[in-house]
Amino acid sequence: CVNGTVICKDSIPPTDEVCDNKDNDCDGEVDNGLAADQYEENDTCDMARDLGEIKQAAEPVTLTINGSLYKSGAGDTDWYKVYAKEQSNWLPCNFGLSDGCFMLSVALLSPDAANLDLCIIGEDCEGSDFDGCASDQGAGKEDGMELTWKGTWGLNDSQFVYAKVSGVGGAQSCSPYTLAFELSAQCPVDGKCWFEAE
């Protein structure tokens, strides 16, 4: 209070708007007028963000990351790539021709502000081994997909897996989503994996 008037001192001036759930430019709107996706350039499968490998272990192994969807003028799409790596080509289960049953689970937790879709494809961007989607689960909900395959002793049973996160109807949000990959493996029983038909 200076001479009977409230004076703001050391105030924070307006800045360019960024995707952070704040009104940076002081125009009364949050996260508006953003020019481009400010977090990732992984808008296509060929430009998928490489998360490296997730390696088979005695207990399931989990890889978790956070991302966000926001692109001015059009819905953003985020692509990720992970290498589900077999522990060893020469580590057979029961010394038979079958060398393990593998499952990669992928889970997407949408932010409360946006309904997101999850799709995964196996081996390459054409989905040579697998493709499928878990879609329209609702904002703040979790989607899940599972990719299973049977290994062969002496061969490399590792698998590239791509995951795509997109907004339902172009939904966008600066609030983060969580994407988690979990790799687990078991030995076949009587030559069959648990996911194979009887």
Protein backbone atom coordinates (compact mmCIF):
# COMPACT_ATOMS: atom_id res chain seq x y z
CA CYS A 1 0.00 0.00 0.00
CA VAL A 2 1.61 3.25 -1.18
CA ASN A 3 -0.19 6.53 -0.46
CA GLY A 4 -3.44 4.67 0.06
CA THR A 5 -3.15 2.63 -3.16
CA VAL A 6 -2.27 -1.04 -3.61
CA ILE A 7 0.82 -1.23 -5.82
CA CYS A 8 2.14 -4.49 -7.27
CA LYS A 9 5.90 -4.71 -6.96
CA ASP A 10 8.25 -7.34 -8.38
CA SER A 11 5.40 -8.84 -10.41
CA ILE A 12 5.93 -11.55 -13.03
CA PRO A 13 5.38 -10.11 -16.54
CA PRO A 14 3.50 -12.04 -19.26
CA THR A 15 5.54 -14.53 -21.27
CA ASP A 16 4.88 -16.70 -24.31
CA GLU A 17 2.36 -19.46 -23.66
CA VAL A 18 3.82 -22.92 -23.05
CA CYS A 19 2.11 -26.25 -22.45
CA ASP A 20 2.18 -26.32 -18.63
CA ASN A 21 -1.45 -25.84 -17.44
CA LYS A 22 -0.74 -22.16 -16.61
CA ASP A 23 -1.83 -18.85 -18.14
CA ASN A 24 1.67 -17.71 -19.10
CA ASP A 25 0.63 -14.80 -21.32
CA CYS A 26 -1.97 -13.49 -18.84
CA ASP A 27 -4.85 -13.45 -21.33
CA GLY A 28 -7.20 -15.37 -19.04
CA GLU A 29 -6.84 -18.70 -20.90
CA VAL A 30 -4.64 -21.66 -20.06
CA ASP A 31 -2.42 -23.34 -22.70
CA ASN A 32 -3.99 -21.54 -25.65
CA GLY A 33 -2.45 -20.49 -28.95
CA LEU A 34 0.44 -22.94 -28.80
CA ALA A 35 2.26 -23.03 -32.13
CA ALA A 36 3.45 -26.62 -32.14
CA ASP A 37 4.02 -29.80 -30.20
CA GLN A 38 6.57 -28.60 -27.67
CA TYR A 39 7.54 -31.97 -26.25
CA GLU A 40 8.15 -34.59 -28.91
CA GLU A 41 8.76 -34.93 -32.63
CA ASN A 42 7.48 -38.52 -32.67
CA ASP A 43 4.36 -37.87 -34.71
CA THR A 44 4.83 -40.86 -37.06
CA CYS A 45 5.91 -44.46 -36.63
CA ASP A 46 9.11 -43.85 -38.59
CA MET A 47 9.98 -41.08 -36.09
CA ALA A 48 9.03 -43.12 -33.02
CA ARG A 49 10.85 -42.18 -29.82
CA ASP A 50 13.26 -45.05 -29.12
CA LEU A 51 12.93 -46.13 -25.49
CA GLY A 52 15.70 -48.73 -25.80
CA GLU A 53 15.32 -52.29 -24.58
CA ILE A 54 13.40 -54.00 -21.86
CA LYS A 55 15.19 -57.26 -21.05
CA GLN A 56 13.73 -60.57 -19.94
CA ALA A 57 14.39 -61.35 -16.27
CA ALA A 58 13.25 -63.81 -13.60
CA GLU A 59 10.55 -61.34 -12.53
CA PRO A 60 8.49 -59.09 -14.84
CA VAL A 61 10.37 -55.93 -15.85
CA THR A 62 8.56 -52.60 -16.24
CA LEU A 63 9.51 -49.49 -18.23
CA THR A 64 7.40 -46.37 -17.55
CA ILE A 65 7.44 -42.94 -19.23
CA ASN A 66 5.29 -39.79 -19.23
CA GLY A 67 4.21 -37.80 -22.28
CA SER A 68 1.60 -35.28 -23.39
CA LEU A 69 -0.52 -34.55 -26.47
CA TYR A 70 -0.76 -31.01 -27.80
CA LYS A 71 -0.37 -29.66 -31.30
CA SER A 72 -2.00 -26.49 -32.60
CA GLY A 73 -4.41 -26.95 -35.49
CA ALA A 74 -4.51 -30.74 -35.41
CA GLY A 75 -4.51 -33.59 -32.95
CA ASP A 76 -1.08 -34.73 -31.84
CA THR A 77 0.02 -38.37 -32.08
CA ASP A 78 2.92 -39.84 -30.10
CA TRP A 79 4.81 -42.95 -31.24
CA TYR A 80 7.21 -45.00 -29.12
CA LYS A 81 9.50 -47.95 -29.89
CA VAL A 82 10.76 -50.56 -27.43
CA TYR A 83 12.88 -53.69 -27.92
CA ALA A 84 11.60 -56.64 -25.87
CA LYS A 85 14.85 -58.56 -25.51
CA GLU A 86 15.20 -62.27 -24.85
CA GLN A 87 17.79 -63.07 -22.18
CA SER A 88 19.65 -65.60 -24.36
CA ASN A 89 19.06 -67.51 -27.60
CA TRP A 90 20.66 -70.57 -26.01
CA LEU A 91 18.82 -70.75 -22.71
CA PRO A 92 16.14 -73.35 -23.51
CA CYS A 93 13.28 -74.27 -21.26
CA ASN A 94 13.58 -77.96 -20.38
CA PHE A 95 16.13 -78.37 -23.17
CA GLY A 96 13.43 -78.74 -25.81
CA LEU A 97 12.82 -76.91 -29.03
CA SER A 98 10.62 -74.34 -27.32
CA ASP A 99 12.54 -71.56 -25.64
CA GLY A 100 10.00 -69.56 -23.74
CA CYS A 101 6.61 -67.90 -23.85
CA PHE A 102 6.78 -64.12 -23.93
CA MET A 103 4.24 -61.42 -23.11
CA LEU A 104 4.67 -57.68 -23.41
CA SER A 105 1.89 -55.72 -21.68
CA VAL A 106 1.42 -52.07 -22.60
CA ALA A 107 -0.74 -49.82 -20.41
CA LEU A 108 -1.82 -46.20 -20.99
CA LEU A 109 -3.24 -44.02 -18.23
CA SER A 110 -5.06 -41.04 -19.75
CA PRO A 111 -5.06 -37.67 -17.96
CA ASP A 112 -8.32 -36.50 -16.41
CA ALA A 113 -8.62 -33.85 -19.12
CA ALA A 114 -8.46 -36.06 -22.24
CA ASN A 115 -9.68 -39.40 -23.59
CA LEU A 116 -6.76 -41.16 -25.30
CA ASP A 117 -6.39 -44.24 -27.53
CA LEU A 118 -3.59 -46.81 -27.38
CA CYS A 119 -2.47 -48.94 -30.35
CA ILE A 120 0.48 -51.32 -30.55
CA ILE A 121 2.08 -53.06 -33.52
CA GLY A 122 4.77 -55.73 -33.61
CA GLU A 123 8.13 -55.96 -35.40
CA ASP A 124 7.92 -52.98 -37.81
CA CYS A 125 5.80 -50.00 -38.80
CA GLU A 126 3.69 -52.23 -41.05
CA GLY A 127 2.73 -54.40 -38.09
CA SER A 128 4.16 -57.58 -39.65
CA ASP A 129 3.66 -59.61 -36.46
CA PHE A 130 0.74 -57.91 -34.72
CA ASP A 131 -1.45 -54.83 -34.63
CA GLY A 132 -4.35 -53.86 -32.44
CA CYS A 133 -5.90 -51.04 -30.44
CA ALA A 134 -7.57 -50.51 -27.08
CA SER A 135 -9.66 -47.42 -27.68
CA ASP A 136 -12.10 -44.96 -26.17
CA GLN A 137 -11.76 -45.95 -22.53
CA GLY A 138 -12.50 -42.43 -21.28
CA ALA A 139 -10.57 -39.55 -19.72
CA GLY A 140 -8.68 -40.54 -16.59
CA LYS A 141 -9.02 -44.24 -17.46
CA GLU A 142 -6.44 -46.92 -18.24
CA ASP A 143 -6.15 -48.76 -21.57
CA GLY A 144 -4.22 -52.00 -21.89
CA MET A 145 -2.89 -54.26 -24.64
CA GLU A 146 -0.93 -57.52 -24.55
CA LEU A 147 1.39 -58.90 -27.21
CA THR A 148 2.30 -62.60 -26.84
CA TRP A 149 4.70 -64.78 -28.82
CA LYS A 150 6.39 -68.18 -28.55
CA GLY A 151 10.15 -68.50 -28.83
CA THR A 152 12.33 -71.13 -30.48
CA TRP A 153 15.53 -72.48 -28.96
CA GLY A 154 18.64 -71.21 -30.75
CA LEU A 155 16.85 -68.32 -32.47
CA ASN A 156 16.60 -64.68 -31.44
CA ASP A 157 13.08 -64.34 -30.05
CA SER A 158 13.39 -60.65 -29.23
CA GLN A 159 10.67 -58.38 -30.61
CA PHE A 160 10.37 -54.74 -31.62
CA VAL A 161 7.09 -53.22 -30.45
CA TYR A 162 5.67 -49.83 -31.41
CA ALA A 163 3.03 -48.00 -29.36
CA LYS A 164 0.88 -45.14 -30.60
CA VAL A 165 -0.93 -42.70 -28.29
CA SER A 166 -3.56 -40.44 -29.83
CA GLY A 167 -6.52 -38.38 -28.66
CA VAL A 168 -10.07 -39.59 -29.30
CA GLY A 169 -11.58 -37.13 -31.77
CA GLY A 170 -8.34 -35.12 -31.73
CA ALA A 171 -8.42 -34.68 -27.94
CA GLN A 172 -5.40 -32.83 -26.57
CA SER A 173 -4.15 -31.95 -23.12
CA CYS A 174 -1.03 -30.53 -21.53
CA SER A 175 -1.67 -32.82 -18.58
CA PRO A 176 0.67 -35.82 -18.83
CA TYR A 177 -0.31 -39.37 -19.62
CA THR A 178 1.61 -42.41 -18.38
CA LEU A 179 2.72 -45.23 -20.69
CA ALA A 180 4.09 -48.44 -19.16
CA PHE A 181 5.65 -51.52 -20.79
CA GLU A 182 5.99 -54.79 -18.85
CA LEU A 183 7.84 -57.85 -20.19
CA SER A 184 7.36 -61.29 -18.66
CA ALA A 185 8.30 -64.80 -19.80
CA GLN A 186 7.52 -68.39 -18.82
CA CYS A 187 8.56 -71.83 -19.96
CA PRO A 188 6.09 -73.85 -22.03
CA VAL A 189 4.23 -76.70 -20.35
CA ASP A 190 4.17 -79.86 -22.46
CA GLY A 191 5.42 -77.76 -25.33
CA LYS A 192 2.60 -75.21 -25.14
CA CYS A 193 2.40 -71.64 -23.91
CA TRP A 194 -0.42 -70.52 -21.64
CA PHE A 195 -1.87 -68.35 -24.42
CA GLU A 196 -1.98 -71.13 -27.05
CA ALA A 197 -5.28 -72.83 -27.83
CA GLU A 198 -5.74 -76.31 -26.41
